[in-house]
Protein backbone atom coordinates (compact mmCIF):
# COMPACT_ATOMS: atom_id res chain seq x y z
CA UNK A 1 -48.77 -32.68 0.14
CA UNK A 2 -47.38 -29.17 -0.77
CA UNK A 3 -43.93 -27.71 -0.69
CA UNK A 4 -45.18 -25.02 1.73
CA UNK A 5 -46.32 -27.70 4.18
CA UNK A 6 -42.90 -29.39 4.01
CA UNK A 7 -41.29 -25.96 4.71
CA UNK A 8 -43.48 -25.45 7.73
CA UNK A 9 -42.66 -28.98 8.96
CA UNK A 10 -38.97 -28.51 8.68
CA UNK A 11 -39.07 -25.14 10.40
CA UNK A 12 -41.14 -26.41 13.36
CA UNK A 13 -38.84 -29.50 13.66
CA UNK A 14 -35.83 -27.15 13.86
CA UNK A 15 -37.40 -24.34 16.02
CA UNK A 16 -39.43 -26.90 18.17
CA UNK A 17 -42.12 -24.09 18.27
CA UNK A 18 -45.23 -23.44 16.26
CA UNK A 19 -45.39 -19.79 17.42
CA UNK A 20 -41.82 -18.92 16.30
CA UNK A 21 -42.44 -20.44 12.89
CA UNK A 22 -45.65 -18.44 12.54
CA UNK A 23 -43.59 -15.24 13.19
CA UNK A 24 -40.85 -16.43 10.82
CA UNK A 25 -43.33 -16.95 7.91
CA UNK A 26 -45.55 -13.92 8.80
CA UNK A 27 -48.70 -16.09 9.25
CA UNK A 28 -50.90 -16.99 12.25
CA UNK A 29 -50.04 -19.89 14.44
CA UNK A 30 -53.35 -21.45 13.43
CA UNK A 31 -52.13 -21.46 9.80
CA UNK A 32 -49.03 -23.35 10.70
CA UNK A 33 -50.91 -25.84 12.85
CA UNK A 34 -53.44 -26.46 10.07
CA UNK A 35 -50.82 -26.99 7.49
CA UNK A 36 -48.94 -29.52 9.74
CA UNK A 37 -52.24 -31.33 10.48
CA UNK A 38 -52.83 -31.53 6.60
CA UNK A 39 -49.39 -32.96 6.07
CA UNK A 40 -49.83 -35.58 8.85
CA UNK A 41 -53.08 -36.63 7.04
CA UNK A 42 -51.27 -36.87 3.74
CA UNK A 43 -48.45 -38.93 5.29
CA UNK A 44 -50.80 -41.01 7.46
CA UNK A 45 -48.59 -40.59 10.48
CA UNK A 46 -48.37 -38.22 13.48
CA UNK A 47 -45.14 -36.20 12.97
CA UNK A 48 -45.04 -34.26 16.19
CA UNK A 49 -45.92 -34.82 19.88
CA UNK A 50 -47.16 -31.54 21.13
CA UNK A 51 -48.93 -29.68 23.93
CA UNK A 52 -49.09 -26.08 25.03
CA UNK A 53 -45.46 -25.94 26.11
CA UNK A 54 -43.67 -28.72 24.27
CA UNK A 55 -42.99 -29.81 20.62
CA UNK A 56 -41.09 -32.98 19.67
CA UNK A 57 -40.73 -35.11 16.68
CA UNK A 58 -42.25 -38.55 16.75
CA UNK A 59 -40.22 -41.37 15.37
CA UNK A 60 -42.07 -41.10 12.10
CA UNK A 61 -41.45 -37.38 12.07
CA UNK A 62 -37.67 -37.87 12.60
CA UNK A 63 -37.49 -40.30 9.64
CA UNK A 64 -39.51 -38.07 7.48
CA UNK A 65 -37.34 -34.92 8.19
CA UNK A 66 -34.44 -35.89 6.13
CA UNK A 67 -36.60 -36.72 3.06
CA UNK A 68 -38.55 -33.56 3.57
CA UNK A 69 -35.28 -31.58 3.46
CA UNK A 70 -34.17 -33.32 0.31
CA UNK A 71 -37.43 -32.70 -1.44
CA UNK A 72 -37.38 -28.98 -0.60
CA UNK A 73 -33.72 -28.69 -1.55
CA UNK A 74 -34.27 -30.35 -4.92
CA UNK A 75 -37.29 -28.30 -5.60
CA UNK A 76 -35.47 -25.03 -4.83
CA UNK A 77 -32.53 -26.11 -7.16
CA UNK A 78 -35.02 -26.94 -9.86
CA UNK A 79 -36.55 -23.50 -9.59
CA UNK A 80 -33.10 -21.81 -9.60
CA UNK A 81 -32.12 -23.66 -12.79
CA UNK A 82 -35.40 -22.90 -14.48
CA UNK A 83 -35.07 -19.22 -13.72
CA UNK A 84 -31.44 -19.11 -14.77
CA UNK A 85 -32.16 -20.91 -18.12
CA UNK A 86 -33.02 -17.60 -19.90
CA UNK A 87 -29.54 -16.24 -19.01
CA UNK A 88 -27.64 -19.41 -20.24
CA UNK A 89 -25.94 -19.64 -23.62
CA UNK A 90 -28.04 -21.41 -26.23
CA UNK A 91 -27.40 -22.63 -29.80
CA UNK A 92 -25.41 -25.60 -31.29
CA UNK A 93 -21.82 -26.75 -30.81
CA UNK A 94 -20.34 -29.26 -33.25
CA UNK A 95 -17.54 -31.35 -31.71
CA UNK A 96 -15.31 -33.71 -33.75
CA UNK A 97 -13.17 -36.27 -32.06
CA UNK A 98 -10.59 -38.93 -33.25
CA UNK A 99 -11.84 -42.54 -33.54
CA UNK A 100 -11.15 -44.38 -30.24
CA UNK A 101 -11.03 -41.26 -28.05
CA UNK A 102 -14.54 -42.23 -26.71
CA UNK A 103 -12.73 -44.78 -24.57
CA UNK A 104 -11.27 -41.99 -22.48
CA UNK A 105 -13.16 -39.78 -20.00
CA UNK A 106 -14.38 -37.62 -22.94
CA UNK A 107 -18.06 -38.70 -22.10
CA UNK A 108 -17.62 -37.48 -18.53
CA UNK A 109 -16.19 -34.08 -19.75
CA UNK A 110 -19.10 -33.63 -22.25
CA UNK A 111 -21.63 -34.73 -19.59
CA UNK A 112 -20.32 -31.89 -17.20
CA UNK A 113 -20.56 -29.36 -20.03
CA UNK A 114 -24.06 -30.39 -20.90
CA UNK A 115 -25.17 -30.32 -17.27
CA UNK A 116 -23.88 -26.73 -16.97
CA UNK A 117 -25.19 -25.54 -20.31
CA UNK A 118 -28.42 -27.48 -20.94
CA UNK A 119 -29.62 -25.07 -23.63
CA UNK A 120 -26.61 -25.82 -25.86
CA UNK A 121 -27.33 -28.55 -28.46
CA UNK A 122 -24.27 -30.78 -28.97
CA UNK A 123 -23.58 -32.69 -32.12
CA UNK A 124 -20.66 -34.99 -32.84
CA UNK A 125 -18.39 -36.26 -35.58
CA UNK A 126 -16.18 -39.36 -35.05
CA UNK A 127 -13.50 -39.78 -37.76
CA UNK A 128 -9.87 -40.12 -38.60
CA UNK A 129 -7.17 -37.42 -38.27
CA UNK A 130 -7.25 -35.98 -41.80
CA UNK A 131 -11.03 -36.18 -42.17
CA UNK A 132 -11.48 -34.17 -38.88
CA UNK A 133 -9.07 -31.45 -39.84
CA UNK A 134 -10.74 -31.19 -43.32
CA UNK A 135 -14.09 -30.89 -41.61
CA UNK A 136 -12.71 -28.23 -39.28
CA UNK A 137 -11.39 -26.20 -42.20
CA UNK A 138 -14.81 -26.51 -43.99
CA UNK A 139 -16.35 -25.33 -40.77
CA UNK A 140 -18.53 -28.44 -40.60
CA UNK A 141 -17.40 -28.67 -36.96
CA UNK A 142 -16.49 -25.96 -34.46
CA UNK A 143 -13.72 -27.81 -32.68
CA UNK A 144 -11.94 -31.16 -32.96
CA UNK A 145 -10.24 -33.35 -30.40
CA UNK A 146 -7.54 -34.89 -32.44
CA UNK A 147 -3.95 -36.06 -32.82
CA UNK A 148 -1.42 -33.30 -33.12
CA UNK A 149 0.91 -33.67 -36.05
CA UNK A 150 3.61 -31.25 -37.52
CA UNK A 151 2.43 -27.94 -36.15
CA UNK A 152 3.77 -25.98 -39.13
CA UNK A 153 1.11 -27.55 -41.31
CA UNK A 154 -1.64 -26.10 -39.03
CA UNK A 155 -0.68 -22.49 -39.16
CA UNK A 156 -4.33 -21.37 -39.90
CA UNK A 157 -5.57 -23.11 -36.66
CA UNK A 158 -5.24 -22.58 -32.96
CA UNK A 159 -4.92 -25.50 -30.64
CA UNK A 160 -4.33 -26.50 -26.96
CA UNK A 161 -2.59 -29.61 -25.99
CA UNK A 162 -4.79 -31.79 -23.82
CA UNK A 163 -2.69 -34.90 -23.04
CA UNK A 164 0.11 -37.00 -24.43
CA UNK A 165 -0.24 -40.80 -24.53
CA UNK A 166 2.49 -43.38 -24.79
CA UNK A 167 2.69 -45.56 -28.00
CA UNK A 168 2.12 -49.29 -27.48
CA UNK A 169 2.71 -52.24 -29.80
CA UNK A 170 -0.30 -54.44 -29.84
CA UNK A 171 0.46 -58.08 -30.48
CA UNK A 172 -1.35 -61.46 -30.16
CA UNK A 173 -0.86 -63.42 -27.07
CA UNK A 174 1.32 -66.00 -28.81
CA UNK A 175 3.63 -63.32 -30.33
CA UNK A 176 7.39 -63.77 -29.41
CA UNK A 177 7.32 -60.25 -27.80
CA UNK A 178 4.05 -60.68 -25.87
CA UNK A 179 5.80 -61.58 -22.51
CA UNK A 180 7.94 -58.46 -22.52
CA UNK A 181 7.16 -55.56 -20.08
CA UNK A 182 8.43 -53.02 -22.66
CA UNK A 183 10.31 -52.98 -25.98
CA UNK A 184 12.47 -50.76 -28.10
CA UNK A 185 10.98 -49.80 -31.42
CA UNK A 186 13.84 -51.74 -33.14
CA UNK A 187 12.50 -55.06 -31.64
CA UNK A 188 9.58 -54.97 -34.13
CA UNK A 189 11.95 -55.35 -37.04
CA UNK A 190 10.90 -58.12 -39.39
CA UNK A 191 7.31 -58.42 -38.03
CA UNK A 192 4.34 -57.63 -40.32
CA UNK A 193 2.39 -54.58 -39.24
CA UNK A 194 -1.29 -53.72 -39.47
CA UNK A 195 -1.11 -50.18 -40.75
CA UNK A 196 -3.74 -47.45 -40.60
CA UNK A 197 -5.50 -45.29 -43.24
CA UNK A 198 -3.45 -42.06 -43.21
CA UNK A 199 -5.60 -39.69 -45.30
CA UNK A 200 -4.65 -37.73 -48.33
CA UNK A 201 -4.46 -34.24 -46.76
CA UNK A 202 -1.02 -32.78 -45.73
CA UNK A 203 -1.39 -32.50 -41.94
CA UNK A 204 1.94 -34.44 -41.32
CA UNK A 205 0.06 -37.61 -40.38
CA UNK A 206 1.55 -39.67 -43.21
CA UNK A 207 5.06 -38.26 -42.47
CA UNK A 208 4.81 -39.01 -38.79
CA UNK A 209 3.79 -42.58 -39.27
CA UNK A 210 6.34 -43.15 -42.09
CA UNK A 211 9.10 -41.68 -39.83
CA UNK A 212 8.11 -44.08 -37.00
CA UNK A 213 8.13 -47.05 -39.27
CA UNK A 214 11.42 -45.99 -40.82
CA UNK A 215 13.05 -46.44 -37.31
CA UNK A 216 12.04 -50.09 -37.53
CA UNK A 217 13.22 -50.91 -41.02
CA UNK A 218 13.45 -49.35 -44.46
CA UNK A 219 10.50 -51.35 -45.97
CA UNK A 220 8.34 -52.81 -43.28
CA UNK A 221 5.91 -55.56 -44.36
CA UNK A 222 2.35 -54.11 -44.37
CA UNK A 223 0.00 -57.01 -43.61
CA UNK A 224 -3.18 -54.98 -43.74
CA UNK A 225 -4.39 -51.38 -43.85
CA UNK A 226 -7.16 -50.71 -41.37
CA UNK A 227 -9.83 -48.05 -41.43
CA UNK A 228 -10.45 -48.02 -37.65
CA UNK A 229 -9.19 -49.15 -34.38
CA UNK A 230 -11.61 -52.00 -33.89
CA UNK A 231 -10.47 -53.46 -37.29
CA UNK A 232 -6.83 -53.11 -36.31
CA UNK A 233 -7.29 -54.96 -33.03
CA UNK A 234 -9.28 -57.67 -34.92
CA UNK A 235 -6.50 -58.16 -37.38
CA UNK A 236 -3.88 -58.43 -34.60
CA UNK A 237 -6.09 -61.02 -32.73
CA UNK A 238 -6.36 -62.90 -35.99
CA UNK A 239 -2.56 -63.06 -36.15
CA UNK A 240 -2.10 -60.94 -39.26
CA UNK A 241 0.52 -58.62 -37.62
CA UNK A 242 1.09 -56.12 -34.79
CA UNK A 243 -0.47 -52.55 -34.54
CA UNK A 244 0.89 -49.41 -32.96
CA UNK A 245 -1.72 -47.64 -31.04
CA UNK A 246 -1.63 -44.80 -28.45
CA UNK A 247 -2.42 -45.48 -24.81
CA UNK A 248 -5.82 -43.96 -24.76
CA UNK A 249 -6.96 -46.96 -26.97
CA UNK A 250 -4.97 -49.79 -25.22
CA UNK A 251 -5.85 -48.78 -21.57
CA UNK A 252 -9.31 -50.26 -21.97
CA UNK A 253 -8.18 -53.68 -23.40
CA UNK A 254 -9.64 -56.55 -21.21
CA UNK A 255 -7.03 -58.33 -19.11
CA UNK A 256 -8.16 -61.66 -20.54
CA UNK A 257 -8.37 -60.46 -24.13
CA UNK A 258 -6.61 -62.07 -27.24
CA UNK A 259 -4.13 -59.22 -27.60
CA UNK A 260 -1.67 -57.52 -25.37
CA UNK A 261 -0.30 -53.89 -25.45
CA UNK A 262 3.38 -53.45 -24.82
CA UNK A 263 4.81 -49.95 -24.05
CA UNK A 264 7.38 -48.81 -26.60
CA UNK A 265 10.46 -47.21 -24.86
CA UNK A 266 11.62 -43.62 -25.65
CA UNK A 267 10.15 -40.09 -25.41
CA UNK A 268 9.51 -40.06 -29.19
CA UNK A 269 7.15 -42.98 -28.88
CA UNK A 270 4.19 -40.87 -27.74
CA UNK A 271 1.14 -39.29 -29.36
CA UNK A 272 -0.34 -35.95 -28.35
CA UNK A 273 -4.00 -35.13 -28.33
CA UNK A 274 -5.12 -31.46 -28.84
CA UNK A 275 -8.21 -29.41 -29.11
CA UNK A 276 -8.00 -27.51 -32.29
CA UNK A 277 -10.29 -24.69 -33.74
CA UNK A 278 -10.21 -21.93 -36.33
CA UNK A 279 -9.63 -18.50 -34.89
CA UNK A 280 -11.97 -16.89 -37.21
CA UNK A 281 -14.90 -19.21 -36.39
CA UNK A 282 -17.77 -17.06 -35.11
CA UNK A 283 -19.40 -19.16 -32.35
CA UNK A 284 -19.59 -17.77 -28.83
CA UNK A 285 -20.25 -21.31 -27.57
CA UNK A 286 -16.76 -22.29 -28.72
CA UNK A 287 -15.14 -20.13 -26.09
CA UNK A 288 -17.42 -21.50 -23.38
CA UNK A 289 -16.69 -25.07 -24.40
CA UNK A 290 -12.91 -24.51 -24.51
CA UNK A 291 -12.83 -23.00 -21.12
CA UNK A 292 -14.91 -25.84 -19.63
CA UNK A 293 -13.02 -28.57 -21.53
CA UNK A 294 -9.56 -27.28 -20.96
CA UNK A 295 -10.20 -26.56 -17.19
CA UNK A 296 -11.44 -30.15 -16.95
CA UNK A 297 -8.23 -31.55 -18.45
CA UNK A 298 -5.87 -29.61 -16.31
């Protein structure tokens, strides 16, 4: 079975005429007839009822028509993509992202980019806020999807805000606040907290967390300092304390899990995700990625 045979078959099915198809393809009518006959032998079924004045699809032919169209269409698309490959950007793009952001639609966005630019090799770095910004400054990565803190500390970078997520208090199911639909940040006073590693670099992360905790009490009791989201949630489930996590992490918690995420009231109780890059970074793929990524996030 060959593509040309399928093309002849589709054309005859639509035109209901061997002679018209022969003229369309600039071949003899005998050529069209022979190719259709060869296709019928390959399929093992008669596809047309025909005489000198009449051409109709058989039941088998009608069923085969949709599949034939799909095969020809997919083949044409494959040829188009192969021919266009030489004109597509190629090289490597290194993407960093904040721990936990894989729980969002990030994978779908990256899949769409990869489908559109298959010659671009993607590599990834998953880390905490400070480590990602350090890697960006060292040019170990081209772009990072990261929490945005104190913009004045990032004057050597460019960034585009992608989305803001509400802040949640994550507590075990038996916590006194677990039944609440929402809480004020002051309601957390007196409860031990599972803190997060803040990094040593001055991106404003420590100040932002410290400022949030200061709204609760002057010296909050730190039950544990976690390196990642999974450990924070484990500590909460074990009853060590509560954790404050952005909505992109808590939205995937199972409904029947051992912890519950409670929204914290107030506009200040939000965390912003941005795509950040260095303006002097010389990688043409970066512009392509930013256009694709930011359009996807509109």
